[in-house]
């Protein structure tokens, strides 16, 4: 099961960055391509809420919030259903860490998944996921400029 991750330092206090990501339904402002997000089964703070992420071309995927820890600034989710990608058993996470006196935040996004791809294709796919995670972190950082 490959695990890919991207990280970034954001020049804002961890409580402010957590405020921007804590609501699972509010991520469209910093997810790449700014998709539409709809929730089913609760609000963006409800463990078990299903989030549908829909892009402008009509493609979509569903995620379920599986964990949120306000003390560790951690959010985890499972991607469920059919995906328009060669992966399955996808688990995502985002975690924040206060830096020094709290003026900055280290942010990490990670994905684990299974794939039927050949080793060569899997390496290229993993890099595409790293690039995607990093792009989202760039958009998140832009919220604090």
C-alpha atoms as a PDB file:
ATOM      1  CA  UNK A   1       0.000   0.000   0.000  1.00  0.00           C
ATOM      2  CA  UNK A   2       1.815   3.158  -1.150  1.00  0.00           C
ATOM      3  CA  UNK A   3       1.739   6.200   1.099  1.00  0.00           C
ATOM      4  CA  UNK A   4       2.338   9.589  -0.484  1.00  0.00           C
ATOM      5  CA  UNK A   5       2.537  12.918   1.283  1.00  0.00           C
ATOM      6  CA  UNK A   6       3.199  16.591   0.807  1.00  0.00           C
ATOM      7  CA  UNK A   7       3.925  19.202   3.430  1.00  0.00           C
ATOM      8  CA  UNK A   8       4.288  22.930   3.716  1.00  0.00           C
ATOM      9  CA  UNK A   9       4.898  25.609   6.299  1.00  0.00           C
ATOM     10  CA  UNK A  10       2.140  28.213   6.429  1.00  0.00           C
ATOM     11  CA  UNK A  11       2.836  31.587   8.000  1.00  0.00           C
ATOM     12  CA  UNK A  12      -0.186  31.589  10.304  1.00  0.00           C
ATOM     13  CA  UNK A  13      -0.971  30.255  13.771  1.00  0.00           C
ATOM     14  CA  UNK A  14      -2.083  26.626  13.899  1.00  0.00           C
ATOM     15  CA  UNK A  15      -5.497  27.592  15.314  1.00  0.00           C
ATOM     16  CA  UNK A  16      -6.134  29.801  12.276  1.00  0.00           C
ATOM     17  CA  UNK A  17      -5.100  27.101   9.802  1.00  0.00           C
ATOM     18  CA  UNK A  18      -7.172  24.527  11.698  1.00  0.00           C
ATOM     19  CA  UNK A  19     -10.121  26.917  11.444  1.00  0.00           C
ATOM     20  CA  UNK A  20      -9.756  26.872   7.649  1.00  0.00           C
ATOM     21  CA  UNK A  21      -9.729  23.066   7.334  1.00  0.00           C
ATOM     22  CA  UNK A  22     -11.678  21.819  10.351  1.00  0.00           C
ATOM     23  CA  UNK A  23     -15.053  21.915   8.562  1.00  0.00           C
ATOM     24  CA  UNK A  24     -14.922  18.979   6.125  1.00  0.00           C
ATOM     25  CA  UNK A  25     -17.519  20.725   3.956  1.00  0.00           C
ATOM     26  CA  UNK A  26     -15.512  23.923   3.466  1.00  0.00           C
ATOM     27  CA  UNK A  27     -12.481  22.577   1.622  1.00  0.00           C
ATOM     28  CA  UNK A  28     -13.482  23.735  -1.865  1.00  0.00           C
ATOM     29  CA  UNK A  29     -11.757  27.047  -1.221  1.00  0.00           C
ATOM     30  CA  UNK A  30      -8.374  25.314  -1.183  1.00  0.00           C
ATOM     31  CA  UNK A  31      -8.841  22.012  -3.015  1.00  0.00           C
ATOM     32  CA  UNK A  32      -7.349  22.197  -6.488  1.00  0.00           C
ATOM     33  CA  UNK A  33      -9.850  23.317  -9.172  1.00  0.00           C
ATOM     34  CA  UNK A  34     -12.260  24.499  -6.427  1.00  0.00           C
ATOM     35  CA  UNK A  35     -14.868  21.724  -6.795  1.00  0.00           C
ATOM     36  CA  UNK A  36     -18.422  21.881  -5.504  1.00  0.00           C
ATOM     37  CA  UNK A  37     -18.850  20.062  -2.192  1.00  0.00           C
ATOM     38  CA  UNK A  38     -22.082  18.643  -0.841  1.00  0.00           C
ATOM     39  CA  UNK A  39     -22.597  16.798   2.447  1.00  0.00           C
ATOM     40  CA  UNK A  40     -24.909  13.938   3.357  1.00  0.00           C
ATOM     41  CA  UNK A  41     -25.583  12.610   6.854  1.00  0.00           C
ATOM     42  CA  UNK A  42     -24.438  15.564   8.931  1.00  0.00           C
ATOM     43  CA  UNK A  43     -22.477  18.758   8.809  1.00  0.00           C
ATOM     44  CA  UNK A  44     -18.757  19.155   8.116  1.00  0.00           C
ATOM     45  CA  UNK A  45     -17.901  18.411  11.751  1.00  0.00           C
ATOM     46  CA  UNK A  46     -19.827  15.122  11.997  1.00  0.00           C
ATOM     47  CA  UNK A  47     -17.788  11.917  12.030  1.00  0.00           C
ATOM     48  CA  UNK A  48     -19.325   9.687   9.373  1.00  0.00           C
ATOM     49  CA  UNK A  49     -20.546  12.542   7.166  1.00  0.00           C
ATOM     50  CA  UNK A  50     -20.256  11.770   3.455  1.00  0.00           C
ATOM     51  CA  UNK A  51     -18.770  14.469   1.254  1.00  0.00           C
ATOM     52  CA  UNK A  52     -19.272  14.474  -2.509  1.00  0.00           C
ATOM     53  CA  UNK A  53     -16.573  16.401  -4.361  1.00  0.00           C
ATOM     54  CA  UNK A  54     -17.752  17.366  -7.858  1.00  0.00           C
ATOM     55  CA  UNK A  55     -15.554  19.018 -10.468  1.00  0.00           C
ATOM     56  CA  UNK A  56     -16.639  21.286 -13.307  1.00  0.00           C
ATOM     57  CA  UNK A  57     -16.386  18.460 -15.851  1.00  0.00           C
ATOM     58  CA  UNK A  58     -18.934  16.402 -13.879  1.00  0.00           C
ATOM     59  CA  UNK A  59     -16.422  13.935 -12.407  1.00  0.00           C
ATOM     60  CA  UNK A  60     -16.819  13.285  -8.703  1.00  0.00           C
ATOM     61  CA  UNK A  61     -15.785  11.125  -5.792  1.00  0.00           C
ATOM     62  CA  UNK A  62     -17.138  10.534  -2.300  1.00  0.00           C
ATOM     63  CA  UNK A  63     -15.302  10.691   1.004  1.00  0.00           C
ATOM     64  CA  UNK A  64     -16.345   9.868   4.549  1.00  0.00           C
ATOM     65  CA  UNK A  65     -14.908  11.750   7.523  1.00  0.00           C
ATOM     66  CA  UNK A  66     -13.565   9.028   9.830  1.00  0.00           C
ATOM     67  CA  UNK A  67     -11.661  11.015  12.463  1.00  0.00           C
ATOM     68  CA  UNK A  68     -11.164  14.542  13.679  1.00  0.00           C
ATOM     69  CA  UNK A  69      -9.060  15.492  16.676  1.00  0.00           C
ATOM     70  CA  UNK A  70      -9.077  19.140  17.762  1.00  0.00           C
ATOM     71  CA  UNK A  71      -6.177  18.533  20.176  1.00  0.00           C
ATOM     72  CA  UNK A  72      -3.874  16.965  17.591  1.00  0.00           C
ATOM     73  CA  UNK A  73      -5.219  19.046  14.667  1.00  0.00           C
ATOM     74  CA  UNK A  74      -5.850  15.838  12.727  1.00  0.00           C
ATOM     75  CA  UNK A  75      -8.499  14.982  10.156  1.00  0.00           C
ATOM     76  CA  UNK A  76      -8.826  11.583   8.434  1.00  0.00           C
ATOM     77  CA  UNK A  77     -11.164  10.341   5.739  1.00  0.00           C
ATOM     78  CA  UNK A  78     -11.843   7.340   3.511  1.00  0.00           C
ATOM     79  CA  UNK A  79     -12.560   7.659  -0.191  1.00  0.00           C
ATOM     80  CA  UNK A  80     -15.493   5.391  -1.024  1.00  0.00           C
ATOM     81  CA  UNK A  81     -17.182   4.090  -4.156  1.00  0.00           C
ATOM     82  CA  UNK A  82     -15.871   3.993  -7.687  1.00  0.00           C
ATOM     83  CA  UNK A  83     -13.084   6.402  -8.540  1.00  0.00           C
ATOM     84  CA  UNK A  84     -12.040   7.749 -11.926  1.00  0.00           C
ATOM     85  CA  UNK A  85      -8.488   6.712 -10.964  1.00  0.00           C
ATOM     86  CA  UNK A  86      -6.621   3.368 -10.821  1.00  0.00           C
ATOM     87  CA  UNK A  87      -6.755   3.149  -7.017  1.00  0.00           C
ATOM     88  CA  UNK A  88      -8.871   1.636  -4.265  1.00  0.00           C
ATOM     89  CA  UNK A  89      -8.777   1.471  -0.441  1.00  0.00           C
ATOM     90  CA  UNK A  90      -7.882   5.169  -0.379  1.00  0.00           C
ATOM     91  CA  UNK A  91      -7.357   6.749   3.039  1.00  0.00           C
ATOM     92  CA  UNK A  92      -6.483  10.424   3.399  1.00  0.00           C
ATOM     93  CA  UNK A  93      -5.279  12.497   6.307  1.00  0.00           C
ATOM     94  CA  UNK A  94      -4.291  16.024   7.105  1.00  0.00           C
ATOM     95  CA  UNK A  95      -2.406  17.036  10.219  1.00  0.00           C
ATOM     96  CA  UNK A  96      -1.155  20.345  11.525  1.00  0.00           C
ATOM     97  CA  UNK A  97       1.742  21.075  13.880  1.00  0.00           C
ATOM     98  CA  UNK A  98       2.452  24.371  15.627  1.00  0.00           C
ATOM     99  CA  UNK A  99       5.925  25.718  14.936  1.00  0.00           C
ATOM    100  CA  UNK A 100       7.936  27.354  17.704  1.00  0.00           C
ATOM    101  CA  UNK A 101       5.957  29.971  19.580  1.00  0.00           C
ATOM    102  CA  UNK A 102       2.923  29.304  17.414  1.00  0.00           C
ATOM    103  CA  UNK A 103       3.382  31.920  14.689  1.00  0.00           C
ATOM    104  CA  UNK A 104       3.637  29.280  11.957  1.00  0.00           C
ATOM    105  CA  UNK A 105       2.096  25.932  11.090  1.00  0.00           C
ATOM    106  CA  UNK A 106       3.595  22.816   9.515  1.00  0.00           C
ATOM    107  CA  UNK A 107       0.870  21.140   7.436  1.00  0.00           C
ATOM    108  CA  UNK A 108       1.038  17.566   6.147  1.00  0.00           C
ATOM    109  CA  UNK A 109      -1.389  15.905   3.724  1.00  0.00           C
ATOM    110  CA  UNK A 110      -1.063  12.196   3.050  1.00  0.00           C
ATOM    111  CA  UNK A 111      -2.795   9.449   1.118  1.00  0.00           C
ATOM    112  CA  UNK A 112      -2.481   5.700   1.268  1.00  0.00           C
ATOM    113  CA  UNK A 113      -4.045   3.466  -1.361  1.00  0.00           C
ATOM    114  CA  UNK A 114      -3.842   0.217  -3.260  1.00  0.00           C
ATOM    115  CA  UNK A 115      -3.370   0.164  -7.015  1.00  0.00           C
ATOM    116  CA  UNK A 116      -3.344  -2.463  -9.766  1.00  0.00           C
ATOM    117  CA  UNK A 117      -0.783  -0.433 -11.759  1.00  0.00           C
ATOM    118  CA  UNK A 118       2.568  -1.854 -12.804  1.00  0.00           C
ATOM    119  CA  UNK A 119       5.521  -0.716 -10.714  1.00  0.00           C
ATOM    120  CA  UNK A 120       6.602   1.834 -13.329  1.00  0.00           C
ATOM    121  CA  UNK A 121       3.105   3.275 -13.744  1.00  0.00           C
ATOM    122  CA  UNK A 122       2.588   3.253  -9.968  1.00  0.00           C
ATOM    123  CA  UNK A 123       5.662   5.451  -9.476  1.00  0.00           C
ATOM    124  CA  UNK A 124       4.364   7.997 -11.995  1.00  0.00           C
ATOM    125  CA  UNK A 125       0.897   7.883 -10.430  1.00  0.00           C
ATOM    126  CA  UNK A 126       2.339   8.402  -6.940  1.00  0.00           C
ATOM    127  CA  UNK A 127       4.178  11.493  -8.152  1.00  0.00           C
ATOM    128  CA  UNK A 128       0.937  12.858  -9.627  1.00  0.00           C
ATOM    129  CA  UNK A 129      -0.736  12.440  -6.208  1.00  0.00           C
ATOM    130  CA  UNK A 130       2.159  14.195  -4.450  1.00  0.00           C
ATOM    131  CA  UNK A 131       1.865  17.076  -6.909  1.00  0.00           C
ATOM    132  CA  UNK A 132      -1.904  17.233  -6.321  1.00  0.00           C
ATOM    133  CA  UNK A 133      -1.500  17.307  -2.527  1.00  0.00           C
ATOM    134  CA  UNK A 134       1.192  19.992  -2.788  1.00  0.00           C
ATOM    135  CA  UNK A 135      -0.979  22.133  -5.070  1.00  0.00           C
ATOM    136  CA  UNK A 136      -3.790  22.032  -2.503  1.00  0.00           C
ATOM    137  CA  UNK A 137      -1.381  23.078   0.233  1.00  0.00           C
ATOM    138  CA  UNK A 138      -0.308  25.994  -1.933  1.00  0.00           C
ATOM    139  CA  UNK A 139      -3.939  27.098  -2.247  1.00  0.00           C
ATOM    140  CA  UNK A 140      -4.408  26.705   1.508  1.00  0.00           C
ATOM    141  CA  UNK A 141      -1.318  28.843   2.159  1.00  0.00           C
ATOM    142  CA  UNK A 142      -2.711  31.506  -0.187  1.00  0.00           C
ATOM    143  CA  UNK A 143      -5.660  31.951   2.190  1.00  0.00           C
ATOM    144  CA  UNK A 144      -3.231  33.403   4.746  1.00  0.00           C
ATOM    145  CA  UNK A 145      -1.397  35.918   2.557  1.00  0.00           C
END
